[in-house]
Protein backbone atom coordinates (compact mmCIF):
# COMPACT_ATOMS: atom_id res chain seq x y z
CA MET A 1 -27.60 20.92 22.08
CA PHE A 2 -26.28 19.82 25.46
CA LEU A 3 -24.08 17.14 23.91
CA ALA A 4 -22.74 19.61 21.40
CA SER A 5 -21.95 22.25 24.02
CA GLN A 6 -20.30 19.72 26.31
CA SER A 7 -18.17 18.43 23.43
CA LEU A 8 -17.11 21.97 22.62
CA LYS A 9 -16.01 22.49 26.20
CA ARG A 10 -13.90 19.35 26.02
CA VAL A 11 -12.39 20.39 22.70
CA ARG A 12 -11.42 23.73 24.19
CA SER A 13 -9.91 21.88 27.16
CA LEU A 14 -7.73 19.87 24.81
CA SER A 15 -6.51 23.08 23.18
CA ILE A 16 -5.44 24.40 26.57
CA ILE A 17 -3.78 21.12 27.51
CA SER A 18 -2.01 20.92 24.16
CA SER A 19 -0.38 24.29 24.67
CA SER A 20 0.75 23.70 28.22
CA THR A 21 1.76 20.04 28.54
CA GLY A 22 4.16 17.60 26.92
CA SER A 23 3.38 15.31 24.03
CA ASN A 24 2.77 12.26 26.25
CA ASN A 25 -0.03 14.02 28.12
CA ILE A 26 -1.44 15.31 24.86
CA MET A 27 -1.63 11.78 23.48
CA LYS A 28 -3.24 10.47 26.64
CA THR A 29 -5.79 13.27 26.54
CA ARG A 30 -6.53 12.58 22.88
CA GLN A 31 -7.14 8.92 23.65
CA ALA A 32 -9.42 9.73 26.57
CA LEU A 33 -11.46 12.18 24.58
CA SER A 34 -11.31 10.48 21.20
CA THR A 35 -15.03 10.16 20.55
CA SER A 36 -16.02 13.53 21.96
CA LEU A 37 -13.44 15.63 20.16
CA GLY A 38 -15.06 15.21 16.76
CA VAL A 39 -17.89 17.29 15.44
CA LEU A 40 -20.84 15.19 16.52
CA ALA A 41 -24.34 15.88 15.33
CA THR A 42 -24.18 19.62 15.86
CA LEU A 43 -21.48 22.16 16.56
CA SER A 44 -23.63 25.08 17.55
CA SER A 45 -20.83 27.57 18.05
CA GLN A 46 -19.72 26.99 14.43
CA HIS A 47 -23.28 26.97 13.08
CA LEU A 48 -22.37 23.74 11.33
CA CYS A 49 -24.43 20.59 11.33
CA TRP A 50 -23.47 17.35 9.61
CA THR A 51 -25.71 14.33 9.59
CA ALA A 52 -24.53 11.48 7.41
CA SER A 53 -26.92 8.97 5.90
CA ALA A 54 -27.10 5.29 6.65
CA LEU A 55 -23.75 3.61 6.06
CA PRO A 56 -22.88 0.04 5.16
CA PHE A 57 -20.48 -2.29 6.94
CA GLY A 58 -21.50 -1.49 10.49
CA THR A 59 -23.33 1.67 11.53
CA ARG A 60 -24.48 0.89 14.99
CA GLY A 61 -24.52 4.57 15.90
CA ALA A 62 -26.57 5.61 12.89
CA SER A 63 -30.19 6.58 13.08
CA SER A 64 -32.66 4.83 10.79
CA ASP A 65 -34.59 8.05 10.27
CA THR A 66 -34.07 10.19 7.18
CA THR A 67 -34.81 13.85 6.69
CA THR A 68 -35.09 13.94 2.90
CA ASN A 69 -37.14 12.30 0.19
CA GLU A 70 -34.04 10.57 -1.17
CA ASP A 71 -32.97 7.12 0.03
CA ASN A 72 -29.81 7.04 2.10
CA ALA A 73 -29.34 10.81 1.99
CA GLU A 74 -29.42 13.28 4.84
CA ALA A 75 -28.95 17.02 5.01
CA VAL A 76 -25.86 18.87 6.06
CA THR A 77 -25.95 22.59 6.75
CA ASP A 78 -22.52 24.14 6.30
CA ALA A 79 -21.04 27.22 7.96
CA MET A 80 -22.66 29.48 5.36
CA GLY A 81 -26.11 28.05 5.99
CA GLU A 82 -26.20 26.15 2.71
CA ILE A 83 -27.60 22.63 2.54
CA VAL A 84 -25.18 19.90 1.53
CA ARG A 85 -26.09 16.26 0.96
CA ILE A 86 -23.94 13.19 1.10
CA HIS A 87 -25.20 9.93 -0.34
CA LEU A 88 -23.81 6.91 1.41
CA PRO A 89 -24.40 3.48 -0.10
CA LYS A 90 -26.70 0.78 1.06
CA GLY A 91 -24.96 -2.34 2.26
CA ASN A 92 -25.25 -5.51 4.27
CA ASN A 93 -26.57 -5.12 7.78
CA ASN A 94 -23.64 -5.81 10.04
CA GLU A 95 -25.77 -5.41 13.13
CA GLU A 96 -26.41 -9.13 12.65
CA ASN A 97 -22.82 -10.30 12.11
CA ASP A 98 -21.07 -7.88 14.46
CA ASN A 99 -18.71 -6.53 11.79
CA ARG A 100 -17.25 -9.91 10.98
CA ASN A 101 -16.28 -11.05 7.50
CA PRO A 102 -15.63 -14.75 6.81
CA VAL A 103 -13.36 -13.98 3.85
CA VAL A 104 -11.13 -11.80 6.02
CA GLU A 105 -11.13 -14.37 8.82
CA ALA A 106 -10.07 -17.09 6.39
CA PHE A 107 -7.35 -14.83 5.02
CA PHE A 108 -5.80 -14.23 8.44
CA ALA A 109 -6.24 -17.87 9.46
CA ALA A 110 -4.30 -19.04 6.39
CA GLY A 111 -1.05 -17.80 7.90
CA ASP A 112 2.18 -18.25 6.00
CA THR A 113 0.76 -21.03 3.82
CA SER A 114 -0.98 -18.40 1.71
CA SER A 115 0.43 -17.02 -1.54
CA SER A 116 -0.77 -14.37 -3.96
CA SER A 117 -2.46 -17.09 -6.01
CA SER A 118 -4.01 -19.05 -3.14
CA ASN A 119 -7.75 -19.26 -2.85
CA ASP A 120 -8.11 -17.17 0.32
CA ASP A 121 -5.87 -14.52 -1.17
CA VAL A 122 -7.86 -14.30 -4.39
CA LEU A 123 -11.13 -14.24 -2.49
CA LEU A 124 -9.92 -11.29 -0.41
CA PHE A 125 -9.02 -9.31 -3.53
CA GLN A 126 -12.48 -10.06 -4.94
CA GLU A 127 -14.26 -9.19 -1.70
CA ILE A 128 -12.52 -5.83 -1.37
CA GLN A 129 -13.04 -5.01 -5.05
CA SER A 130 -16.74 -5.74 -4.78
CA GLN A 131 -17.17 -3.60 -1.68
CA ALA A 132 -15.14 -0.75 -3.18
CA GLN A 133 -17.24 -0.73 -6.34
CA ASN A 134 -20.40 -0.63 -4.23
CA LEU A 135 -19.08 2.59 -2.71
CA SER A 136 -18.89 4.40 -6.07
CA SER A 137 -21.88 6.69 -5.49
CA PHE A 138 -20.70 7.56 -1.99
CA LEU A 139 -17.20 8.32 -3.23
CA THR A 140 -18.44 10.58 -6.01
CA SER A 141 -20.87 12.59 -3.89
CA THR A 142 -18.43 12.90 -0.98
CA ARG A 143 -15.57 14.02 -3.17
CA ARG A 144 -17.76 16.62 -4.87
CA ASN A 145 -18.84 18.01 -1.52
CA PHE A 146 -15.19 18.43 -0.55
CA HIS A 147 -14.40 19.90 -3.97
CA GLN A 148 -17.04 22.61 -3.61
CA ARG A 149 -15.60 23.71 -0.27
CA PRO A 150 -11.81 23.95 -0.63
CA GLU A 151 -9.83 25.25 2.33
CA LEU A 152 -6.19 26.30 2.46
CA MET A 153 -3.58 24.76 4.74
CA TYR A 154 -4.19 25.15 8.46
CA GLN A 155 -7.68 26.52 7.71
CA GLU A 156 -9.49 23.21 6.95
CA LYS A 157 -12.22 23.72 9.55
CA GLU A 158 -15.22 22.61 7.52
CA THR A 159 -13.32 19.82 5.75
CA SER A 160 -12.31 18.40 9.12
CA ALA A 161 -15.87 18.62 10.39
CA MET A 162 -17.17 16.71 7.36
CA ILE A 163 -14.60 13.96 7.87
CA GLN A 164 -15.40 13.69 11.57
CA ALA A 165 -19.11 13.48 10.92
CA THR A 166 -18.62 10.61 8.48
CA LEU A 167 -16.40 8.76 10.97
CA GLN A 168 -19.00 9.35 13.66
CA GLN A 169 -21.68 7.87 11.42
CA LEU A 170 -19.43 4.88 10.81
CA ASP A 171 -19.07 4.46 14.59
CA ILE A 172 -15.30 4.88 14.31
CA PRO A 173 -13.71 6.51 17.40
CA HIS A 174 -11.36 9.29 16.43
CA SER A 175 -9.40 12.21 17.83
CA THR A 176 -8.85 15.67 16.46
CA GLY A 177 -6.71 18.66 17.41
CA TRP A 178 -3.78 17.31 15.37
CA ALA A 179 -1.41 19.41 13.23
CA VAL A 180 -1.47 22.69 15.14
CA ASN A 181 0.20 25.45 13.16
CA THR A 182 3.52 26.23 14.87
CA HIS A 183 4.41 29.06 12.46
CA PRO A 184 1.32 31.32 12.42
CA THR A 185 3.40 34.42 11.61
CA VAL A 186 4.51 32.76 8.38
CA ILE A 187 1.47 30.68 7.43
CA PRO A 188 -2.06 31.93 8.25
CA GLY A 189 -4.46 29.72 10.16
CA PRO A 190 -4.56 28.06 13.58
CA GLY A 191 -4.39 24.46 12.41
CA GLY A 192 -5.47 21.64 14.68
CA TYR A 193 -7.81 20.14 12.09
CA GLY A 194 -6.03 16.81 11.68
CA ILE A 195 -7.86 13.60 12.57
CA VAL A 196 -6.60 10.19 13.69
CA ALA A 197 -8.76 7.08 13.88
CA ASP A 198 -7.97 3.45 14.69
CA ILE A 199 -9.87 0.42 13.39
CA GLY A 200 -9.25 -3.13 14.62
CA THR A 201 -8.12 -4.71 17.85
CA GLY A 202 -6.27 -1.69 19.23
CA GLN A 203 -3.25 -3.95 19.58
CA ALA A 204 -0.13 -4.61 17.52
CA PRO A 205 0.61 -5.11 14.72
CA CYS A 206 -0.37 -1.69 13.41
CA VAL A 207 -0.17 -0.05 9.99
CA LEU A 208 -0.99 3.54 9.00
CA LEU A 209 -2.94 4.84 6.00
CA ARG A 210 -2.68 8.56 5.25
CA ALA A 211 -4.60 11.13 3.19
CA ASP A 212 -4.14 14.90 2.87
CA MET A 213 -7.04 17.38 2.82
CA ASP A 214 -5.94 20.96 2.01
CA ALA A 215 -6.55 22.93 -1.19
CA LEU A 216 -4.59 25.53 -3.18
CA PRO A 217 -4.91 29.30 -3.76
CA ILE A 218 -5.95 28.82 -7.41
CA HIS A 219 -9.03 30.11 -9.22
CA GLU A 220 -10.80 27.09 -10.71
CA ARG A 221 -11.25 27.09 -14.48
CA THR A 222 -12.12 23.42 -14.94
CA GLU A 223 -14.88 22.89 -17.49
CA GLN A 224 -17.95 20.64 -17.17
CA VAL A 225 -17.99 20.77 -13.37
CA ASP A 226 -20.55 23.54 -12.89
CA ASN A 227 -22.68 21.47 -10.51
CA PHE A 228 -19.80 21.03 -8.07
CA ARG A 229 -17.37 23.83 -8.90
CA SER A 230 -15.43 25.47 -6.08
CA GLN A 231 -17.67 27.89 -4.20
CA THR A 232 -14.71 29.71 -2.66
CA PRO A 233 -13.14 32.40 -4.85
CA ASP A 234 -9.49 31.79 -5.73
CA GLN A 235 -9.35 28.47 -3.88
CA MET A 236 -9.43 25.07 -5.53
CA HIS A 237 -8.69 21.40 -5.00
CA ALA A 238 -6.17 21.37 -7.85
CA CYS A 239 -3.99 18.58 -6.45
CA GLY A 240 -6.57 15.87 -5.83
CA HIS A 241 -6.60 16.05 -2.05
CA ASP A 242 -10.41 15.97 -2.07
CA GLY A 243 -10.11 12.60 -3.79
CA HIS A 244 -7.41 11.38 -1.41
CA THR A 245 -9.54 12.14 1.64
CA THR A 246 -12.60 10.56 0.04
CA MET A 247 -10.73 7.35 -0.80
CA LEU A 248 -9.51 7.00 2.77
CA LEU A 249 -13.06 7.48 4.05
CA GLY A 250 -14.14 4.72 1.66
CA ALA A 251 -11.42 2.49 3.05
CA ALA A 252 -12.60 3.35 6.56
CA ALA A 253 -16.13 2.18 5.70
CA ILE A 254 -14.89 -1.17 4.40
CA LEU A 255 -12.43 -1.76 7.23
CA LYS A 256 -15.05 -0.92 9.84
CA GLY A 257 -17.38 -3.49 8.30
CA MET A 258 -14.81 -6.23 8.86
CA GLU A 259 -13.29 -4.87 12.07
CA GLU A 260 -14.01 -7.93 14.23
CA SER A 261 -12.09 -10.10 11.74
CA ILE A 262 -8.96 -7.94 11.55
CA ASN A 263 -5.88 -9.17 13.41
CA GLY A 264 -4.27 -5.89 14.38
CA THR A 265 -4.91 -2.16 14.05
CA VAL A 266 -5.27 0.11 11.04
CA ARG A 267 -4.55 3.77 11.84
CA LEU A 268 -6.15 6.39 9.59
CA MET A 269 -4.31 9.72 9.36
CA PHE A 270 -6.33 12.58 7.86
CA GLN A 271 -3.68 15.26 7.48
CA PRO A 272 -4.01 19.02 6.90
CA ALA A 273 -1.46 21.41 5.42
CA GLU A 274 0.42 19.29 2.90
CA GLU A 275 0.85 22.16 0.43
CA GLY A 276 3.92 23.67 2.07
CA GLY A 277 2.76 23.62 5.68
CA ALA A 278 4.41 20.33 6.72
CA GLY A 279 1.20 19.12 8.36
CA ALA A 280 2.57 15.58 8.44
CA LYS A 281 5.61 16.78 10.36
CA ARG A 282 3.37 18.49 12.91
CA MET A 283 1.40 15.25 13.42
CA VAL A 284 4.60 13.23 13.77
CA GLU A 285 5.87 15.73 16.36
CA GLU A 286 2.55 15.46 18.20
CA GLY A 287 2.82 11.68 18.43
CA VAL A 288 0.85 10.03 15.62
CA MET A 289 3.68 7.52 15.13
CA THR A 290 4.19 6.77 18.83
CA LEU A 291 0.53 6.54 19.83
CA GLN A 292 -0.12 2.99 21.03
CA PRO A 293 0.09 0.74 19.18
CA PRO A 294 2.83 2.41 17.12
CA PRO A 295 2.58 1.83 13.35
CA GLN A 296 5.18 -0.49 11.84
CA HIS A 297 4.44 0.39 8.20
CA ALA A 298 2.76 3.35 6.48
CA PHE A 299 1.12 3.71 3.08
CA GLY A 300 -0.11 6.61 0.98
CA LEU A 301 -1.01 7.48 -2.59
CA HIS A 302 -1.38 10.44 -4.93
CA VAL A 303 -3.49 10.72 -8.08
CA TRP A 304 -1.25 11.27 -11.11
CA PRO A 305 -2.53 12.94 -14.31
CA THR A 306 0.38 11.87 -16.53
CA LEU A 307 -0.43 8.17 -16.06
CA PRO A 308 -3.35 6.34 -17.70
CA SER A 309 -6.40 5.99 -15.48
CA GLY A 310 -6.31 2.79 -13.46
CA SER A 311 -2.57 2.27 -13.71
CA ILE A 312 -0.40 2.33 -10.58
CA ALA A 313 3.25 3.38 -10.48
CA GLY A 314 6.05 3.43 -7.95
CA ARG A 315 9.68 2.69 -7.39
CA PRO A 316 12.01 1.64 -4.58
CA GLY A 317 14.04 4.42 -3.00
CA PRO A 318 13.37 8.13 -3.63
CA LEU A 319 10.08 8.71 -5.43
CA LEU A 320 9.55 12.42 -4.74
CA ALA A 321 12.11 15.08 -4.06
CA ALA A 322 13.35 16.90 -1.01
CA ALA A 323 12.09 20.47 -1.32
CA GLU A 324 12.99 23.88 0.05
CA ARG A 325 11.67 27.32 -0.80
CA PHE A 326 13.34 30.66 -0.27
CA GLU A 327 12.83 34.39 -0.46
CA ILE A 328 15.69 36.80 -1.21
CA LEU A 329 15.37 40.49 -0.30
CA ILE A 330 17.93 42.69 -2.03
CA ALA A 331 18.46 46.12 -0.49
CA GLY A 332 20.24 48.72 -2.60
CA THR A 333 20.16 52.48 -3.03
CA GLY A 334 17.39 53.85 -5.20
CA GLY A 335 17.41 56.99 -7.27
CA HIS A 336 16.60 58.62 -10.59
CA ALA A 337 16.73 56.30 -13.58
CA ALA A 338 18.72 58.94 -15.46
CA MET A 339 21.48 58.88 -12.83
CA PRO A 340 22.22 55.18 -12.19
CA HIS A 341 25.79 55.99 -11.10
CA LEU A 342 24.33 57.44 -7.91
CA THR A 343 22.50 54.22 -7.05
CA HIS A 344 23.17 50.64 -6.12
CA ASP A 345 20.69 49.05 -8.49
CA PRO A 346 18.84 46.07 -6.89
CA ILE A 347 17.32 45.08 -10.25
CA VAL A 348 20.72 44.60 -11.85
CA THR A 349 21.83 42.76 -8.72
CA ALA A 350 18.76 40.52 -8.81
CA SER A 351 19.37 39.78 -12.48
CA ALA A 352 22.97 38.82 -11.77
CA ILE A 353 21.90 36.56 -8.92
CA ILE A 354 19.37 34.83 -11.17
CA MET A 355 21.96 34.19 -13.87
CA ASN A 356 24.62 33.03 -11.43
CA LEU A 357 22.21 30.62 -9.79
CA GLN A 358 21.91 28.80 -13.13
CA THR A 359 25.40 27.43 -12.51
CA VAL A 360 24.53 25.83 -9.18
CA VAL A 361 23.25 22.59 -10.73
CA SER A 362 25.20 22.64 -13.99
CA ARG A 363 28.63 23.39 -12.49
CA THR A 364 28.58 22.27 -8.86
CA MET A 365 26.68 18.95 -9.03
CA SER A 366 27.69 15.67 -10.56
CA PRO A 367 25.83 15.01 -13.84
CA LEU A 368 24.71 11.74 -12.25
CA GLU A 369 22.83 13.54 -9.48
CA SER A 370 19.51 15.33 -9.72
CA GLY A 371 18.80 18.84 -8.53
CA VAL A 372 16.75 21.92 -9.35
CA VAL A 373 17.18 25.59 -8.45
CA SER A 374 14.42 27.76 -9.90
CA ILE A 375 13.57 31.43 -9.45
CA THR A 376 9.82 31.70 -9.80
CA LYS A 377 9.10 35.31 -8.89
CA MET A 378 10.84 38.68 -9.24
CA GLU A 379 9.33 41.86 -7.86
CA ALA A 380 10.82 45.37 -7.99
CA GLY A 381 9.96 48.96 -8.81
CA ASP A 382 6.82 51.02 -9.38
CA ALA A 383 7.73 53.64 -12.02
CA PHE A 384 9.58 53.84 -15.34
CA ASN A 385 11.95 56.59 -14.19
CA ILE A 386 12.87 55.37 -10.71
CA ILE A 387 15.50 52.82 -9.78
CA PRO A 388 13.93 51.15 -6.72
CA ALA A 389 15.65 50.70 -3.40
CA SER A 390 14.87 46.99 -3.16
CA ALA A 391 13.98 43.87 -5.10
CA LEU A 392 12.45 40.54 -4.10
CA LEU A 393 13.16 37.08 -5.50
CA ARG A 394 11.38 33.86 -4.65
CA GLY A 395 12.24 30.35 -5.68
CA THR A 396 12.63 26.69 -4.85
CA ILE A 397 15.37 24.08 -4.47
CA ARG A 398 14.78 20.36 -5.15
CA ALA A 399 16.96 17.26 -4.80
CA LEU A 400 16.57 13.52 -4.31
CA SER A 401 18.39 13.45 -0.98
CA THR A 402 18.44 15.71 2.05
CA GLU A 403 22.23 15.91 1.86
CA THR A 404 22.11 17.21 -1.72
CA LEU A 405 19.35 19.65 -0.81
CA MET A 406 21.47 21.14 1.97
CA THR A 407 24.49 21.37 -0.35
CA LEU A 408 22.43 23.23 -2.94
CA ARG A 409 21.00 25.53 -0.30
CA ASP A 410 24.48 26.44 0.94
CA ARG A 411 25.59 27.11 -2.62
CA VAL A 412 22.59 29.36 -3.29
CA HIS A 413 23.35 31.30 -0.13
CA HIS A 414 27.01 31.80 -1.07
CA ILE A 415 26.22 32.96 -4.63
CA MET A 416 23.57 35.34 -3.39
CA GLU A 417 25.83 37.02 -0.85
CA SER A 418 28.90 37.27 -3.07
CA THR A 419 26.95 38.56 -6.08
CA ALA A 420 25.18 41.20 -3.99
CA ALA A 421 28.49 42.34 -2.50
CA VAL A 422 29.95 42.87 -5.98
CA HIS A 423 27.05 45.20 -6.79
CA GLY A 424 27.17 47.06 -3.48
CA CYS A 425 23.85 45.71 -2.17
CA ASN A 426 22.82 43.93 1.00
CA VAL A 427 20.76 40.75 0.92
CA THR A 428 18.80 38.59 3.34
CA ILE A 429 17.47 35.15 2.54
CA THR A 430 14.55 33.50 4.32
CA TYR A 431 13.80 29.80 4.01
CA SER A 432 10.59 27.93 4.67
CA PRO A 433 9.95 26.95 8.29
CA ASP A 434 10.18 23.28 7.31
CA TYR A 435 11.96 21.90 4.29
CA TYR A 436 10.58 18.58 3.04
CA PRO A 437 12.85 15.52 2.95
CA PRO A 438 12.54 13.18 -0.05
CA THR A 439 9.72 10.66 -0.06
CA VAL A 440 11.53 7.32 0.04
CA ASN A 441 9.90 3.97 -0.56
CA ASP A 442 11.57 1.35 1.60
CA PRO A 443 13.27 -0.95 -0.94
CA GLU A 444 12.72 -4.21 0.94
CA LEU A 445 9.06 -3.48 1.65
CA TYR A 446 8.49 -2.35 -1.93
CA HIS A 447 10.14 -5.32 -3.63
CA THR A 448 8.84 -8.07 -1.36
CA PHE A 449 5.35 -6.76 -0.66
CA SER A 450 3.88 -3.47 -1.84
CA LYS A 451 4.68 -3.71 -5.55
CA ASP A 452 2.94 -7.09 -5.86
CA ILE A 453 -0.20 -5.86 -4.09
CA ALA A 454 -0.47 -2.82 -6.37
CA ALA A 455 -0.03 -5.02 -9.43
CA GLN A 456 -3.11 -7.03 -8.47
CA ILE A 457 -5.20 -3.84 -8.29
CA SER A 458 -3.84 -2.01 -11.34
CA THR A 459 -6.01 -2.34 -14.45
CA GLU A 460 -2.79 -3.13 -16.32
CA GLY A 461 -2.00 -6.12 -14.12
CA TYR A 462 1.41 -4.82 -13.12
CA THR A 463 2.98 -1.93 -11.22
CA ARG A 464 4.69 0.56 -13.48
CA ASP A 465 8.27 1.45 -12.71
CA THR A 466 8.60 5.23 -12.73
CA GLU A 467 11.43 7.71 -12.55
CA PRO A 468 11.60 9.97 -9.50
CA THR A 469 9.78 13.29 -9.75
CA MET A 470 10.97 16.61 -8.38
CA GLY A 471 7.61 17.28 -6.79
CA GLY A 472 7.61 17.41 -2.99
CA GLU A 473 5.32 15.51 -0.62
CA ASP A 474 5.22 15.65 3.18
CA PHE A 475 4.31 11.97 3.51
CA SER A 476 8.11 11.95 3.60
CA PHE A 477 8.02 12.83 7.30
CA VAL A 478 6.01 9.67 7.98
CA ALA A 479 8.25 7.55 5.75
CA GLU A 480 11.26 8.70 7.78
CA GLN A 481 9.76 6.99 10.83
CA VAL A 482 8.82 3.52 9.54
CA PRO A 483 9.28 1.48 6.32
CA SER A 484 6.67 2.89 3.96
CA THR A 485 5.36 2.87 0.40
CA PHE A 486 3.85 5.74 -1.57
CA PHE A 487 2.12 5.03 -4.89
CA LEU A 488 1.06 7.13 -7.88
CA LEU A 489 -2.50 6.30 -9.01
CA GLY A 490 -3.00 7.03 -12.70
CA GLN A 491 -5.97 9.23 -13.57
CA GLY A 492 -5.07 10.85 -16.90
CA SER A 493 -7.53 9.15 -19.27
CA GLY A 494 -10.79 10.83 -18.30
CA GLN A 495 -12.59 12.78 -21.02
CA ASP A 496 -15.53 14.75 -19.57
CA PRO A 497 -13.75 16.85 -18.41
CA PRO A 498 -10.20 15.96 -19.53
CA THR A 499 -8.24 14.68 -16.54
CA ASN A 500 -4.71 14.94 -17.95
CA TYR A 501 -4.08 18.53 -16.87
CA GLY A 502 -1.16 18.71 -14.49
CA LEU A 503 -1.34 19.02 -10.72
CA HIS A 504 -1.79 22.63 -9.54
CA HIS A 505 -3.28 23.60 -12.92
CA PRO A 506 -6.48 25.70 -12.89
CA HIS A 507 -8.07 23.17 -15.30
CA PHE A 508 -7.12 20.16 -13.18
CA ALA A 509 -9.91 17.59 -12.93
CA LEU A 510 -10.09 14.31 -11.04
CA ASP A 511 -11.04 11.11 -12.86
CA GLU A 512 -13.56 9.92 -10.30
CA SER A 513 -13.63 6.43 -11.79
CA VAL A 514 -10.27 5.61 -10.16
CA MET A 515 -11.45 6.29 -6.61
CA PRO A 516 -12.70 2.73 -5.98
CA GLN A 517 -9.24 1.54 -7.00
CA GLY A 518 -7.66 3.85 -4.46
CA VAL A 519 -9.97 2.38 -1.81
CA GLU A 520 -8.95 -1.14 -2.87
CA LEU A 521 -5.29 -0.22 -2.65
CA HIS A 522 -5.66 1.20 0.86
CA VAL A 523 -7.61 -1.76 2.22
CA ASN A 524 -5.46 -4.44 0.59
CA LEU A 525 -2.21 -2.87 1.73
CA ALA A 526 -3.52 -2.54 5.28
CA LEU A 527 -4.89 -6.07 5.70
CA ARG A 528 -2.05 -7.81 3.93
CA ALA A 529 0.60 -5.82 5.79
CA LEU A 530 -1.04 -6.75 9.10
CA ARG A 531 -0.93 -10.44 8.24
CA ARG A 532 2.66 -10.16 7.08
CA LEU A 533 3.69 -8.40 10.30
CA GLY A 534 1.81 -10.99 12.35
CA GLN A 535 3.64 -13.80 10.59
CA GLN A 536 6.97 -12.09 11.17
CA GLN A 537 6.16 -11.69 14.85
CA GLN A 538 5.24 -15.37 15.17
CA GLN A 539 8.42 -16.42 13.40
CA GLN A 540 10.50 -14.23 15.69
CA GLN A 541 8.86 -15.79 18.73
CA THR A 542 9.57 -19.27 17.37
CA ASP A 543 13.19 -18.36 16.72
CA ASP A 544 13.52 -16.93 20.23
CA VAL A 545 12.18 -20.16 21.78
CA LYS A 546 14.60 -22.25 19.74
CA ALA A 547 17.49 -20.01 20.68
CA ALA A 548 16.59 -20.26 24.36
CA ALA A 549 16.28 -24.07 24.26
């Protein structure tokens, strides 16, 4: 209880510091308090206790005692007083080998003589695959715990606590307080539930792995999931973020077990508020990309129901669209429906705006470019015999470049104002606090590195080339900072329940069998990128010596 109360005091101190000092001091404070900021064994003020079971691959901070009759399972009491259990897999005892792995050491020692078909390279693929498969039970139980407790953007309090408790059990230092909500009047919730953890030497080179954690305001209707259905009315993990977070925790377990053999640092970014809240942007603004050592590459993935389970897809350049959302308020003059000549009808005006907006893409963009302008909601009136005084439209704009997005947004604004003026109405348009830029895969990194790694992990033996999608993704804010790759992990072949329902669908279901693959992809990308960066650094040093001679 003393440790918990002291940690709470330090967490509160960070909140005060975060609101009153610059980003450099915030980062220094986070580093200094990294292990105490997480939810430890007990957070008494939240009435939440999380005690993870024995973990593989190095759990020097874990207790050998258990509190249940099940092996490798310990109880968690959530904020509602309900008991949750997570089952973490048995593994080799790394107390004896100090988190070293001879396969990883051989891989890094091979240097630039290694190729994708060399023995050390093949052995590393096999080692990671074996460890990822051994995590299957942990991945399933962890993901289902997250799935039962969905939380909306900037409100991921319990989700964050569960992640922190698992990292604590893995003996992975971490900091929280990331992704504070800077627009609370627009988006509910305080934020600050993001988590950052580093594994490795703490020195360069450094790569970043990212997962999102928030859910959606959707009532779950998925069948055959009664034993782990969402327990929160009208909230659901309908975009797979519970799986994304789980896969990154699985990667954390493996990477921690080989930490002493890793040449460099792997940064784990557990990000809130992806679903429109720009949580990644908040974390970038707060310093996740400048924290020492700064990442040189970043990687992420998203489960994809329209691809066969086990396949992996990507492309160089734009993969997901830039996205903006808007709200249009049309103010007219209401009156009796029998006397429309005495009104300025906002419904007619709204209808005209909707029709005119259909020309934005078809008549103002080149047919060779891609763009979307969609009105998704219209709201006006309360009675059959009253012309209302106002109408509301909501919609979204999508494009494959920020420049095109801004052009479309300007065009929407012009059409809205001119159409309203013709009908004698006034209009105001409100945009989202943060539009999303496109998610762009660095072409050089993709062609020379990432695509080949994914091909080795895909069940198809190759990486599928895919067309860009008009979905938005705030990993884009990370990819703007460093060369990055974002992959689509196929999951559409599951049967019980069917896993080919689209993202954000109330029947969406995750094919849990692909989660070990996601873990493999994370770990392989991280380790192989570190070796690649190390080789590049050595070559640069050699070139500098020659140039100076």
